[in-house]
């Protein structure tokens, strides 16, 4: 590996807060779903989103074999590798057999990468919606979003993204850039959008109330999330669904994160978080670091290593990307960078004090 390279450019991190009215559903964290680092020739990738209103936990069978188990409501399964051409997909209540299917068996033409959204509010209208996620390249320093509305009978919605922190600056913007994605009506084909990577507040908004100047209090019964990190060079699925009490919900799922490991505190610190790595389209590796438990106003640095324990290695000034970074008032930080090294050659990532390089947290990316 070349000399160690400092990663981290700015403040921000994923810290979600759901509206209390929707507390019966899990918080929609943009969680990573495993994906093969290189899709083999003759193979396709599928996954299933459990957007069924009141069916509980589900299992997924592919060609008669259990392929994903215990997929919770408002959650998405890991990617499933299947032969290209066709496959039979069946969805059953968790623990049940194929003869208890609630959707399928479906004969699916398999090519590329797509999500099967299991939708409906009762067995009579359970159905599958297919969402193409064949995005070959994400614009630099951008997040790509596929948005779909599966809430049957509901009005069209916009998803309103208010940027709290861009991914390439330390200082917060003086005014929040706002992006209104949509409108998207129930049953329509998925729409795609690209937004600058960064830290966002995200709110679901009826399309008739999508003014960027609308007061947050206008949407008190709709899901809202704070400090959501949309990482650069990453694809996300935003799926609008409904809760058992017929309220709208927004499921957010990362689509192309190839490796995610947790930052573990070192030396009694309270710093934790996660590190995500993904092969860059033009070679090397894109790396995103999300940390929490930092001290506001204190400078930090993050480095990557070829050892597994974040032992400090020689580095040069040009290996330092973004200099130091400072946590926001909540003690959270988000940053990203690129390495010329292959993903398999990067073995750990650290969070250190910028003042004396004290090690505060370490993520072993390829534990033995």
Protein backbone atom coordinates (compact mmCIF):
# COMPACT_ATOMS: atom_id res chain seq x y z
CA UNK A 1 0.00 0.00 0.00
CA UNK A 2 1.22 3.50 -0.65
CA UNK A 3 1.75 5.88 2.27
CA UNK A 4 -1.25 6.25 4.51
CA UNK A 5 -3.81 8.72 3.18
CA UNK A 6 -5.95 10.93 5.38
CA UNK A 7 -9.64 10.81 4.58
CA UNK A 8 -12.18 13.17 5.99
CA UNK A 9 -13.39 16.44 4.65
CA UNK A 10 -16.24 17.73 6.78
CA UNK A 11 -18.83 17.69 9.47
CA UNK A 12 -22.02 15.66 9.60
CA UNK A 13 -23.33 12.06 10.15
CA UNK A 14 -26.30 9.83 10.09
CA UNK A 15 -28.45 10.30 13.17
CA UNK A 16 -32.07 9.63 12.34
CA UNK A 17 -35.17 10.73 14.22
CA UNK A 18 -38.60 9.47 13.21
CA UNK A 19 -41.89 11.28 13.80
CA UNK A 20 -43.47 9.91 17.02
CA UNK A 21 -46.73 9.01 15.28
CA UNK A 22 -44.82 6.35 13.34
CA UNK A 23 -42.98 4.87 16.29
CA UNK A 24 -44.37 1.39 15.59
CA UNK A 25 -42.17 1.18 12.51
CA UNK A 26 -38.37 0.98 12.68
CA UNK A 27 -36.33 4.06 11.87
CA UNK A 28 -35.46 4.13 8.17
CA UNK A 29 -31.68 4.20 8.39
CA UNK A 30 -29.93 4.18 4.98
CA UNK A 31 -28.52 0.77 5.80
CA UNK A 32 -26.18 -1.01 3.38
CA UNK A 33 -27.22 -4.18 1.60
CA UNK A 34 -24.48 -6.61 0.65
CA UNK A 35 -23.58 -6.69 -3.02
CA UNK A 36 -21.03 -8.73 -4.93
CA UNK A 37 -17.93 -6.67 -5.67
CA UNK A 38 -18.03 -7.91 -9.26
CA UNK A 39 -21.21 -9.33 -10.78
CA UNK A 40 -20.27 -12.61 -12.52
CA UNK A 41 -21.08 -13.04 -16.17
CA UNK A 42 -24.41 -14.85 -16.51
CA UNK A 43 -25.61 -13.75 -13.07
CA UNK A 44 -28.17 -11.19 -11.90
CA UNK A 45 -28.79 -9.55 -8.53
CA UNK A 46 -32.24 -9.26 -6.93
CA UNK A 47 -33.54 -8.31 -3.49
CA UNK A 48 -36.98 -8.00 -1.91
CA UNK A 49 -38.40 -4.97 -0.07
CA UNK A 50 -41.04 -5.86 2.52
CA UNK A 51 -43.51 -3.00 1.99
CA UNK A 52 -46.57 -5.08 2.90
CA UNK A 53 -48.77 -3.14 5.29
CA UNK A 54 -49.78 -5.90 7.69
CA UNK A 55 -48.12 -9.16 6.69
CA UNK A 56 -45.36 -9.18 9.29
CA UNK A 57 -41.94 -10.74 8.73
CA UNK A 58 -41.41 -12.61 5.44
CA UNK A 59 -39.12 -15.19 3.87
CA UNK A 60 -38.07 -15.22 0.20
CA UNK A 61 -37.63 -18.36 -1.89
CA UNK A 62 -35.86 -18.45 -5.24
CA UNK A 63 -36.38 -21.53 -7.41
CA UNK A 64 -37.80 -23.37 -4.40
CA UNK A 65 -34.84 -22.66 -2.10
CA UNK A 66 -34.83 -20.29 0.88
CA UNK A 67 -32.83 -17.26 -0.27
CA UNK A 68 -33.61 -14.61 2.37
CA UNK A 69 -35.18 -15.13 5.77
CA UNK A 70 -36.79 -12.88 8.38
CA UNK A 71 -37.16 -9.74 6.26
CA UNK A 72 -38.88 -7.32 8.63
CA UNK A 73 -41.62 -4.86 7.66
CA UNK A 74 -40.19 -1.70 6.07
CA UNK A 75 -36.88 -3.50 5.48
CA UNK A 76 -35.03 -4.79 2.43
CA UNK A 77 -33.29 -8.14 2.06
CA UNK A 78 -29.65 -8.55 1.16
CA UNK A 79 -28.85 -8.95 -2.52
CA UNK A 80 -29.49 -12.44 -3.89
CA UNK A 81 -27.38 -13.75 -6.75
CA UNK A 82 -29.44 -15.66 -9.34
CA UNK A 83 -28.74 -17.05 -12.81
CA UNK A 84 -29.50 -14.61 -15.60
CA UNK A 85 -32.50 -15.55 -17.71
CA UNK A 86 -35.37 -16.45 -15.39
CA UNK A 87 -36.06 -17.46 -11.82
CA UNK A 88 -39.10 -18.30 -9.71
CA UNK A 89 -39.58 -16.04 -6.69
CA UNK A 90 -42.03 -16.83 -3.88
CA UNK A 91 -42.74 -14.78 -0.75
CA UNK A 92 -44.14 -16.47 2.35
CA UNK A 93 -44.71 -15.50 6.00
CA UNK A 94 -41.54 -16.12 7.99
CA UNK A 95 -41.14 -19.78 8.89
CA UNK A 96 -43.87 -20.98 6.54
CA UNK A 97 -43.55 -23.32 3.58
CA UNK A 98 -44.03 -22.64 -0.13
CA UNK A 99 -47.66 -23.74 -0.06
CA UNK A 100 -48.39 -20.78 2.26
CA UNK A 101 -47.22 -18.21 -0.31
CA UNK A 102 -48.66 -14.70 -0.04
CA UNK A 103 -47.01 -13.56 -3.30
CA UNK A 104 -46.01 -15.88 -6.13
CA UNK A 105 -44.64 -18.05 -7.34
CA UNK A 106 -43.54 -15.38 -9.85
CA UNK A 107 -41.53 -16.21 -12.94
CA UNK A 108 -39.07 -13.33 -13.11
CA UNK A 109 -36.89 -12.37 -16.06
CA UNK A 110 -33.52 -11.86 -14.38
CA UNK A 111 -30.97 -9.48 -15.82
CA UNK A 112 -28.82 -6.85 -14.17
CA UNK A 113 -29.88 -5.59 -10.76
CA UNK A 114 -33.40 -4.90 -9.46
CA UNK A 115 -35.56 -4.82 -6.34
CA UNK A 116 -38.89 -6.62 -6.00
CA UNK A 117 -41.17 -4.51 -3.79
CA UNK A 118 -43.78 -6.63 -2.01
CA UNK A 119 -46.77 -4.28 -1.64
CA UNK A 120 -50.39 -4.26 -0.51
CA UNK A 121 -52.55 -3.83 2.57
CA UNK A 122 -54.40 -7.17 2.60
CA UNK A 123 -53.96 -10.63 1.06
CA UNK A 124 -56.44 -9.71 -1.67
CA UNK A 125 -54.17 -6.99 -3.05
CA UNK A 126 -50.67 -8.27 -2.19
CA UNK A 127 -48.54 -7.78 -5.29
CA UNK A 128 -45.00 -7.30 -6.54
CA UNK A 129 -43.58 -4.15 -8.11
CA UNK A 130 -40.27 -4.37 -9.96
CA UNK A 131 -37.74 -1.56 -9.54
CA UNK A 132 -34.81 -1.40 -11.96
CA UNK A 133 -31.60 -0.42 -10.16
CA UNK A 134 -29.14 -0.81 -13.02
CA UNK A 135 -27.19 2.38 -12.39
CA UNK A 136 -23.75 1.93 -13.93
CA UNK A 137 -22.13 5.15 -12.73
CA UNK A 138 -22.98 7.78 -10.15
CA UNK A 139 -21.87 11.36 -10.83
CA UNK A 140 -18.78 12.34 -8.81
CA UNK A 141 -19.54 13.51 -5.27
CA UNK A 142 -23.23 12.76 -5.80
CA UNK A 143 -25.80 10.35 -4.43
CA UNK A 144 -28.18 8.66 -6.88
CA UNK A 145 -31.76 8.10 -5.66
CA UNK A 146 -34.42 5.77 -7.08
CA UNK A 147 -37.83 6.90 -5.76
CA UNK A 148 -40.99 4.79 -5.88
CA UNK A 149 -44.46 5.17 -4.30
CA UNK A 150 -46.14 1.89 -3.32
CA UNK A 151 -48.80 3.42 -1.02
CA UNK A 152 -51.98 2.33 -2.81
CA UNK A 153 -54.72 4.95 -2.94
CA UNK A 154 -52.55 7.69 -1.43
CA UNK A 155 -51.91 11.05 -3.09
CA UNK A 156 -48.74 11.79 -4.97
CA UNK A 157 -45.78 12.68 -2.75
CA UNK A 158 -42.58 14.66 -2.97
CA UNK A 159 -39.54 13.84 -0.90
CA UNK A 160 -38.04 17.09 0.37
CA UNK A 161 -34.29 17.04 1.07
CA UNK A 162 -32.80 20.00 2.95
CA UNK A 163 -29.02 19.95 2.97
CA UNK A 164 -27.51 20.47 6.40
CA UNK A 165 -23.88 19.95 5.36
CA UNK A 166 -22.25 19.33 1.98
CA UNK A 167 -19.69 16.55 1.73
CA UNK A 168 -16.80 18.74 0.54
CA UNK A 169 -16.84 21.70 2.95
CA UNK A 170 -16.22 22.06 6.67
CA UNK A 171 -18.53 25.02 7.18
CA UNK A 172 -22.29 24.57 7.07
CA UNK A 173 -24.11 26.44 4.27
CA UNK A 174 -25.62 29.80 5.24
CA UNK A 175 -28.94 28.68 3.76
CA UNK A 176 -30.14 25.10 3.33
CA UNK A 177 -30.20 24.04 -0.34
CA UNK A 178 -33.50 22.24 -0.87
CA UNK A 179 -34.26 19.47 -3.37
CA UNK A 180 -37.84 18.36 -4.03
CA UNK A 181 -37.88 14.87 -5.54
CA UNK A 182 -41.13 14.06 -7.31
CA UNK A 183 -44.01 14.19 -7.42
CA UNK A 184 -44.40 10.43 -7.62
CA UNK A 185 -47.85 8.85 -7.63
CA UNK A 186 -48.79 5.41 -6.34
CA UNK A 187 -48.20 2.68 -8.88
CA UNK A 188 -46.07 4.81 -11.20
CA UNK A 189 -42.72 3.59 -12.43
CA UNK A 190 -39.78 4.57 -10.27
CA UNK A 191 -38.15 7.94 -10.86
CA UNK A 192 -34.44 8.64 -10.51
CA UNK A 193 -32.63 11.70 -9.16
CA UNK A 194 -29.09 12.81 -8.41
CA UNK A 195 -28.25 15.13 -5.50
CA UNK A 196 -24.95 16.39 -4.08
CA UNK A 197 -23.60 14.09 -1.40
CA UNK A 198 -23.92 15.40 2.13
CA UNK A 199 -25.93 15.47 5.32
CA UNK A 200 -29.69 16.02 4.88
CA UNK A 201 -32.94 16.48 6.73
CA UNK A 202 -35.52 14.45 4.82
CA UNK A 203 -39.30 14.93 4.89
CA UNK A 204 -42.16 13.27 3.03
CA UNK A 205 -44.50 15.93 1.60
CA UNK A 206 -47.85 15.67 -0.27
CA UNK A 207 -47.24 17.03 -3.75
CA UNK A 208 -49.89 19.71 -3.15
CA UNK A 209 -47.75 21.05 -0.26
CA UNK A 210 -44.29 20.79 -1.78
CA UNK A 211 -43.30 24.47 -1.54
CA UNK A 212 -39.73 24.75 -0.29
CA UNK A 213 -40.86 27.55 2.01
CA UNK A 214 -43.58 25.52 3.71
CA UNK A 215 -43.28 25.40 7.49
CA UNK A 216 -42.20 22.07 8.99
CA UNK A 217 -45.29 22.14 11.21
CA UNK A 218 -47.41 21.61 8.09
CA UNK A 219 -46.18 18.01 7.91
CA UNK A 220 -46.44 16.84 11.51
CA UNK A 221 -48.14 13.55 10.58
CA UNK A 222 -45.62 12.60 7.93
CA UNK A 223 -42.25 10.89 8.44
CA UNK A 224 -39.24 13.17 8.88
CA UNK A 225 -35.60 12.24 9.46
CA UNK A 226 -32.71 14.39 10.64
CA UNK A 227 -29.01 14.30 9.75
CA UNK A 228 -29.21 11.54 7.13
CA UNK A 229 -25.87 10.94 5.43
CA UNK A 230 -26.18 10.44 1.66
CA UNK A 231 -22.71 9.30 0.73
CA UNK A 232 -20.91 10.12 -2.53
CA UNK A 233 -20.82 7.55 -5.34
CA UNK A 234 -23.65 5.62 -3.72
CA UNK A 235 -27.11 4.57 -4.93
CA UNK A 236 -30.17 4.71 -2.66
CA UNK A 237 -33.68 3.31 -2.87
CA UNK A 238 -36.38 5.61 -1.41
CA UNK A 239 -39.67 3.68 -1.17
CA UNK A 240 -42.90 5.30 0.04
CA UNK A 241 -45.13 2.75 1.77
CA UNK A 242 -47.74 2.68 4.55
CA UNK A 243 -47.89 1.59 8.18
CA UNK A 244 -50.59 -0.69 9.65
CA UNK A 245 -52.55 2.40 10.76
CA UNK A 246 -52.56 3.62 7.13
CA UNK A 247 -50.02 6.39 7.66
CA UNK A 248 -47.32 7.01 5.06
CA UNK A 249 -43.79 5.79 5.65
CA UNK A 250 -40.47 6.25 3.87
CA UNK A 251 -37.98 3.39 3.59
CA UNK A 252 -34.40 4.40 2.73
CA UNK A 253 -31.89 1.75 1.68
CA UNK A 254 -28.41 2.00 0.22
CA UNK A 255 -28.01 -0.06 -2.94
CA UNK A 256 -24.30 -0.36 -3.69
CA UNK A 257 -22.25 -0.46 -0.54
CA UNK A 258 -19.73 -3.25 -0.90
CA UNK A 259 -18.25 -3.26 2.57
CA UNK A 260 -19.26 -1.69 5.85
CA UNK A 261 -17.57 -2.15 9.20
CA UNK A 262 -18.07 -0.53 12.57
CA UNK A 263 -15.67 1.92 14.19
CA UNK A 264 -14.84 0.52 17.63
CA UNK A 265 -13.77 2.82 20.51
CA UNK A 266 -10.10 2.62 21.51
CA UNK A 267 -8.51 3.53 24.83
CA UNK A 268 -11.76 4.18 26.66
CA UNK A 269 -13.00 6.79 24.20
CA UNK A 270 -16.69 7.18 23.32
CA UNK A 271 -16.07 7.51 19.58
CA UNK A 272 -17.84 5.01 17.32
CA UNK A 273 -19.54 4.95 13.91
CA UNK A 274 -19.01 3.14 10.62
CA UNK A 275 -16.79 2.97 7.54
CA UNK A 276 -18.08 2.10 4.06
CA UNK A 277 -15.91 1.14 1.09
CA UNK A 278 -16.83 0.69 -2.57
CA UNK A 279 -14.70 0.12 -5.68
CA UNK A 280 -14.50 3.39 -7.61
CA UNK A 281 -15.68 3.30 -11.25
CA UNK A 282 -12.26 4.43 -12.51
CA UNK A 283 -10.23 2.23 -10.16
CA UNK A 284 -9.23 2.50 -6.53
CA UNK A 285 -11.71 2.71 -3.67
CA UNK A 286 -14.27 5.23 -2.49
CA UNK A 287 -14.34 5.48 1.31
CA UNK A 288 -16.94 7.10 3.57
CA UNK A 289 -16.46 7.55 7.31
CA UNK A 290 -19.28 8.32 9.72
CA UNK A 291 -18.34 8.99 13.35
CA UNK A 292 -20.20 9.84 16.53
CA UNK A 293 -19.20 10.69 20.08
CA UNK A 294 -16.82 13.46 18.95
CA UNK A 295 -16.25 16.68 20.86
CA UNK A 296 -17.65 19.80 19.12
CA UNK A 297 -14.95 22.29 18.22
CA UNK A 298 -12.11 19.74 18.41
CA UNK A 299 -10.09 18.79 15.31
CA UNK A 300 -9.93 15.17 14.09
CA UNK A 301 -8.20 13.25 11.31
CA UNK A 302 -8.93 9.84 9.78
CA UNK A 303 -6.41 7.61 8.02
CA UNK A 304 -6.48 4.23 6.31
CA UNK A 305 -3.88 1.50 6.71
CA UNK A 306 -2.65 -1.80 5.34
CA UNK A 307 -2.57 -3.26 8.88
CA UNK A 308 -5.68 -4.38 10.77
CA UNK A 309 -5.21 -2.42 14.00
CA UNK A 310 -4.81 1.20 12.84
CA UNK A 311 -1.13 1.20 13.82
CA UNK A 312 0.31 4.51 12.67
CA UNK A 313 2.39 4.27 9.51
CA UNK A 314 4.59 6.86 7.77
CA UNK A 315 2.63 9.37 5.72
CA UNK A 316 3.37 12.57 3.83
CA UNK A 317 1.59 15.92 3.62
CA UNK A 318 0.12 15.09 0.21
CA UNK A 319 -1.49 11.98 1.72
CA UNK A 320 -3.58 14.20 3.99
CA UNK A 321 -6.94 14.93 2.37
CA UNK A 322 -9.01 17.78 3.77
CA UNK A 323 -6.66 18.62 6.65
CA UNK A 324 -8.48 18.38 10.01
CA UNK A 325 -12.26 18.29 10.47
CA UNK A 326 -14.44 19.45 13.34
CA UNK A 327 -17.58 17.73 14.68
CA UNK A 328 -20.90 19.54 14.68
CA UNK A 329 -22.73 20.51 17.87
CA UNK A 330 -24.16 17.00 18.19
CA UNK A 331 -20.66 15.50 18.15
CA UNK A 332 -21.10 13.75 14.82
CA UNK A 333 -18.97 13.81 11.69
CA UNK A 334 -19.18 12.55 8.11
CA UNK A 335 -16.48 12.51 5.48
CA UNK A 336 -15.46 10.70 2.33
CA UNK A 337 -12.47 10.33 0.09
CA UNK A 338 -10.84 8.22 -2.58
CA UNK A 339 -7.84 5.91 -2.47
CA UNK A 340 -5.77 4.63 -5.37
CA UNK A 341 -5.53 1.29 -3.54
CA UNK A 342 -7.86 -1.63 -4.16
CA UNK A 343 -10.56 -2.35 -1.59
CA UNK A 344 -8.91 -5.61 -0.53
CA UNK A 345 -5.65 -3.77 0.26
CA UNK A 346 -7.27 -1.37 2.76
CA UNK A 347 -7.47 -3.18 6.06
CA UNK A 348 -8.39 -0.58 8.67
CA UNK A 349 -9.54 3.02 9.13
CA UNK A 350 -9.10 5.23 12.19
CA UNK A 351 -10.39 8.35 13.90
CA UNK A 352 -7.61 10.30 15.65
CA UNK A 353 -7.19 13.60 17.45
CA UNK A 354 -5.58 16.05 15.04
CA UNK A 355 -3.57 17.66 17.83
CA UNK A 356 -1.46 14.65 18.82
CA UNK A 357 -2.78 11.75 16.68
CA UNK A 358 -4.21 9.93 19.69
CA UNK A 359 -6.14 6.93 18.37
CA UNK A 360 -9.84 7.15 19.36
CA UNK A 361 -11.55 4.54 17.15
CA UNK A 362 -10.58 1.87 14.64
CA UNK A 363 -12.48 -0.23 12.10
CA UNK A 364 -10.92 -3.54 11.02
CA UNK A 365 -12.25 -3.88 7.48
CA UNK A 366 -11.15 -7.47 6.82
CA UNK A 367 -11.05 -9.27 10.19
CA UNK A 368 -9.48 -12.70 10.18
